[in-house]
Amino acid sequence: MIGAALGGAARRAGLSAETGESTQRIVWTAMGGWRGIIESVLPSLAFVVLFTIRPEPLLLSLGVSVGVAALFTIIRLAQKSPPSAALGGLVAAAAAAALALWTGRGADNFVPGLITNALYGTVMVVAALVGWSIIGLAVGFLMGEGLAWRADRRKRRAFFWLGLAWGALFLLRLSVQLPLYLTDQVTLLGTLKLVMGLPLFAPMVAVTWLVVRALYRRAEEEPE
C-alpha cells in the first residue's frame, strides 16, 4: 500500500514517530544534514556555473555535473554509509545529461525535474481532493495508526490542506520554470531550480511537522 511505503520511506530517512522531536531536527533530517544539502545542490550548481561561463561544448558542464554526483556516490560506498540519496542523485543527473546530449539543448537537462514537479503536484492535489491526502497516508503509517486518521475530521481537514499546499509547491515550481525552459533560458532556469528547491522544501517540512505534532499531541491529551 502506498501509505505503508511512504511511512517506511520516512522512517528510513530518519524521521521519527515521536511528536516530541524538535522541528529543527526533523527539517535537518529530512534534508539529510549538510551532506544531503551538498549532494543535492552541487551537481546542479556545477552545471549552471559552467554552462554560464562556457556553453560549448555542452559535454563539459554535463560531464562535471554527473561526475560530481558520481563522486558523492563513490564516497558513500567507500564509507559504507547508505548510498540511496547520492545514488538517486547520480541516476537523475545521468538521465538528464543523456537527454540533453541527445537533443543538444542545455535546457533539456532540466526536463526530468519538470516532469517530476508536474507528476508530484498533480498527484498531491488530486489525492487531497478525493479525500486520500498523500501527506495523511504517509503520516498515518509513520505514526502507526494506518488509515485511522480518515475517521478524525480534524486530521482529515489538516491533511487535506497540507496535501494541497505540497501540491501547490510542486506546481508553482513548474509554472515558473516551464516558461524558462520553453524560451531556452538555461542559466535563469538552473538558478531558479536551486532557489525553489531546498529553500522552499525546508519551510514546508517545518510547517507540516508543526501541524502533525499539534494534531497528535492533542490526540494524546484528549483521553485525560
Protein backbone atom coordinates (compact mmCIF):
# COMPACT_ATOMS: atom_id res chain seq x y z
CA MET A 1 0.00 0.00 0.00
CA ILE A 2 1.24 3.48 -0.84
CA GLY A 3 0.78 4.76 2.72
CA ALA A 4 2.90 1.99 4.20
CA ALA A 5 5.57 2.58 1.57
CA LEU A 6 5.64 6.30 2.29
CA GLY A 7 5.74 5.75 6.02
CA GLY A 8 8.58 3.28 5.62
CA ALA A 9 10.47 5.72 3.42
CA ALA A 10 10.06 8.40 6.07
CA ARG A 11 11.46 6.11 8.75
CA ARG A 12 14.42 5.15 6.55
CA ALA A 13 15.08 8.84 6.01
CA GLY A 14 15.44 9.19 9.77
CA LEU A 15 12.09 10.82 10.53
CA SER A 16 10.63 9.86 13.88
CA ALA A 17 7.15 9.00 15.08
CA GLU A 18 7.87 10.84 18.33
CA THR A 19 5.88 14.08 18.42
CA GLY A 20 8.35 15.46 20.94
CA GLU A 21 11.07 15.73 18.30
CA SER A 22 12.17 19.31 17.64
CA THR A 23 11.09 20.88 14.36
CA GLN A 24 14.68 21.88 13.64
CA ARG A 25 15.84 18.28 13.91
CA ILE A 26 13.01 17.00 11.72
CA VAL A 27 13.77 19.52 8.98
CA TRP A 28 17.52 18.89 9.20
CA THR A 29 16.96 15.13 9.00
CA ALA A 30 14.61 15.46 6.03
CA MET A 31 17.26 17.44 4.14
CA GLY A 32 19.98 14.93 5.03
CA GLY A 33 22.09 17.39 7.01
CA TRP A 34 24.99 19.27 5.44
CA ARG A 35 25.95 16.23 3.43
CA GLY A 36 22.50 15.82 1.94
CA ILE A 37 22.31 19.52 1.09
CA ILE A 38 25.68 19.47 -0.68
CA GLU A 39 24.83 16.27 -2.58
CA SER A 40 21.53 17.77 -3.66
CA VAL A 41 22.78 21.20 -4.69
CA LEU A 42 26.33 20.85 -6.01
CA PRO A 43 25.71 18.83 -9.23
CA SER A 44 23.10 21.32 -10.48
CA LEU A 45 25.17 24.28 -9.31
CA ALA A 46 28.22 22.97 -11.17
CA PHE A 47 26.19 22.65 -14.36
CA VAL A 48 24.71 26.16 -14.11
CA VAL A 49 28.06 27.84 -13.38
CA LEU A 50 29.98 26.02 -16.12
CA PHE A 51 27.22 26.40 -18.69
CA THR A 52 27.03 30.14 -17.96
CA ILE A 53 30.80 30.56 -18.33
CA ARG A 54 31.18 28.23 -21.32
CA PRO A 55 28.00 26.93 -23.02
CA GLU A 56 30.02 24.94 -25.54
CA PRO A 57 30.89 22.15 -25.50
CA LEU A 58 27.77 21.07 -23.67
CA LEU A 59 29.53 17.85 -22.67
CA LEU A 60 31.81 19.81 -20.33
CA SER A 61 29.11 21.18 -18.00
CA LEU A 62 27.08 17.98 -18.17
CA GLY A 63 30.12 15.80 -17.57
CA VAL A 64 31.20 17.76 -14.49
CA SER A 65 27.66 17.66 -13.09
CA VAL A 66 27.42 13.88 -13.47
CA GLY A 67 30.98 13.47 -12.24
CA VAL A 68 30.23 15.35 -9.02
CA ALA A 69 27.16 13.16 -8.40
CA ALA A 70 29.23 10.04 -9.12
CA LEU A 71 31.92 11.19 -6.68
CA PHE A 72 29.38 11.56 -3.88
CA THR A 73 28.10 8.04 -4.55
CA ILE A 74 31.61 6.56 -4.55
CA ILE A 75 32.43 8.29 -1.25
CA ARG A 76 29.27 6.90 0.37
CA LEU A 77 30.04 3.40 -0.89
CA ALA A 78 33.63 3.65 0.36
CA GLN A 79 32.43 4.78 3.79
CA LYS A 80 29.73 2.07 3.79
CA SER A 81 27.08 4.69 4.50
CA PRO A 82 23.59 4.43 2.93
CA PRO A 83 24.14 5.43 -0.72
CA SER A 84 20.47 5.79 -1.66
CA ALA A 85 20.33 9.62 -1.70
CA ALA A 86 23.58 10.06 -3.61
CA LEU A 87 22.76 7.15 -5.94
CA GLY A 88 19.35 8.65 -6.68
CA GLY A 89 21.02 11.96 -7.50
CA LEU A 90 23.52 10.20 -9.76
CA VAL A 91 20.81 8.36 -11.70
CA ALA A 92 18.80 11.58 -12.10
CA ALA A 93 21.85 13.58 -13.20
CA ALA A 94 22.93 10.89 -15.68
CA ALA A 95 19.45 10.56 -17.20
CA ALA A 96 19.09 14.34 -17.55
CA ALA A 97 22.56 14.66 -19.06
CA ALA A 98 21.89 11.85 -21.54
CA LEU A 99 18.73 13.60 -22.72
CA ALA A 100 20.49 16.96 -23.07
CA LEU A 101 23.35 15.39 -25.03
CA TRP A 102 20.90 13.58 -27.30
CA THR A 103 18.96 16.75 -28.13
CA GLY A 104 21.92 19.13 -27.95
CA ARG A 105 19.95 21.56 -25.77
CA GLY A 106 21.25 22.51 -22.33
CA ALA A 107 17.70 23.27 -21.19
CA ASP A 108 16.79 19.59 -21.60
CA ASN A 109 18.97 18.85 -18.58
CA PHE A 110 16.01 20.11 -16.54
CA VAL A 111 13.28 18.04 -18.21
CA PRO A 112 13.22 15.26 -15.55
CA GLY A 113 12.70 17.91 -12.86
CA LEU A 114 9.85 19.49 -14.77
CA ILE A 115 8.18 16.10 -15.22
CA THR A 116 8.66 15.30 -11.53
CA ASN A 117 7.07 18.58 -10.46
CA ALA A 118 4.13 18.03 -12.80
CA LEU A 119 3.51 14.47 -11.59
CA TYR A 120 4.03 15.14 -7.88
CA GLY A 121 1.95 18.32 -7.96
CA THR A 122 -0.94 16.70 -9.81
CA VAL A 123 -0.98 13.57 -7.65
CA MET A 124 -0.80 15.58 -4.41
CA VAL A 125 -3.68 17.86 -5.38
CA VAL A 126 -5.91 15.12 -6.82
CA ALA A 127 -5.31 12.80 -3.84
CA ALA A 128 -6.21 15.58 -1.40
CA LEU A 129 -9.35 16.49 -3.30
CA VAL A 130 -10.64 12.89 -3.32
CA GLY A 131 -10.00 12.51 0.43
CA TRP A 132 -6.83 10.42 0.31
CA SER A 133 -4.15 13.01 1.06
CA ILE A 134 -0.66 11.69 0.36
CA ILE A 135 0.55 13.55 3.46
CA GLY A 136 -2.15 11.83 5.52
CA LEU A 137 -1.18 8.40 4.18
CA ALA A 138 2.50 8.95 4.94
CA VAL A 139 1.92 10.41 8.42
CA GLY A 140 -0.69 7.81 9.31
CA PHE A 141 1.69 4.93 8.78
CA LEU A 142 4.67 6.82 10.22
CA MET A 143 2.68 7.43 13.41
CA GLY A 144 1.47 3.83 13.49
CA GLU A 145 -2.23 4.50 13.04
CA GLY A 146 -2.58 3.44 9.42
CA LEU A 147 -5.78 4.85 7.93
CA ALA A 148 -7.42 5.70 11.25
CA TRP A 149 -6.82 9.42 10.60
CA ARG A 150 -9.58 9.36 7.98
CA ALA A 151 -12.16 8.88 10.76
CA ASP A 152 -10.96 12.03 12.54
CA ARG A 153 -12.43 15.13 10.95
CA ARG A 154 -9.72 17.41 12.38
CA LYS A 155 -6.87 15.30 11.00
CA ARG A 156 -8.62 14.76 7.69
CA ARG A 157 -9.06 18.50 7.24
CA ALA A 158 -5.46 19.25 8.22
CA PHE A 159 -4.05 16.63 5.86
CA PHE A 160 -6.31 17.93 3.09
CA TRP A 161 -4.78 21.40 3.33
CA LEU A 162 -1.25 20.05 3.75
CA GLY A 163 -1.73 17.91 0.64
CA LEU A 164 -2.92 20.94 -1.32
CA ALA A 165 0.00 23.01 -0.03
CA TRP A 166 2.57 20.44 -1.11
CA GLY A 167 0.86 20.04 -4.48
CA ALA A 168 0.86 23.83 -4.91
CA LEU A 169 4.60 23.92 -4.19
CA PHE A 170 5.39 21.46 -6.98
CA LEU A 171 3.00 23.16 -9.40
CA LEU A 172 4.46 26.58 -8.53
CA ARG A 173 7.90 25.32 -9.46
CA LEU A 174 6.52 24.00 -12.73
CA SER A 175 4.66 27.22 -13.57
CA VAL A 176 7.80 29.32 -13.02
CA GLN A 177 10.34 27.00 -14.63
CA LEU A 178 8.42 25.73 -17.67
CA PRO A 179 8.28 29.11 -19.48
CA LEU A 180 12.05 29.47 -18.96
CA TYR A 181 12.58 26.01 -20.42
CA LEU A 182 10.40 26.78 -23.42
CA THR A 183 12.32 30.02 -24.08
CA ASP A 184 15.70 28.27 -23.56
CA GLN A 185 16.83 30.49 -20.66
CA VAL A 186 19.14 27.86 -19.21
CA THR A 187 21.07 29.92 -16.66
CA LEU A 188 17.96 31.52 -15.17
CA LEU A 189 16.15 28.17 -15.19
CA GLY A 190 19.00 26.47 -13.34
CA THR A 191 19.27 29.29 -10.83
CA LEU A 192 15.55 29.27 -10.05
CA LYS A 193 15.57 25.49 -9.76
CA LEU A 194 18.11 25.83 -6.95
CA VAL A 195 16.29 28.76 -5.33
CA MET A 196 12.95 26.92 -5.44
CA GLY A 197 14.47 23.67 -4.19
CA LEU A 198 15.65 23.29 -0.59
CA PRO A 199 14.82 26.92 0.38
CA LEU A 200 11.12 26.13 -0.21
CA PHE A 201 11.28 22.47 0.81
CA ALA A 202 12.60 23.17 4.31
CA PRO A 203 9.81 25.56 5.40
CA MET A 204 7.19 23.15 4.03
CA VAL A 205 8.66 20.30 6.07
CA ALA A 206 8.68 22.55 9.15
CA VAL A 207 5.05 23.60 8.72
CA THR A 208 3.98 20.02 8.04
CA TRP A 209 5.71 18.71 11.16
CA LEU A 210 4.33 21.50 13.35
CA VAL A 211 0.80 20.63 12.20
CA VAL A 212 1.39 16.90 12.72
CA ARG A 213 2.86 17.48 16.19
CA ALA A 214 -0.09 19.64 17.19
CA LEU A 215 -2.59 17.06 15.92
CA TYR A 216 -1.05 14.09 17.67
CA ARG A 217 -0.18 15.85 20.92
CA ARG A 218 -3.82 16.96 21.18
CA ALA A 219 -4.94 13.40 20.44
CA GLU A 220 -2.71 12.11 23.28
CA GLU A 221 -4.08 14.67 25.73
CA GLU A 222 -7.80 14.25 24.94
CA PRO A 223 -8.35 10.96 26.87
CA GLU A 224 -7.04 12.65 30.02
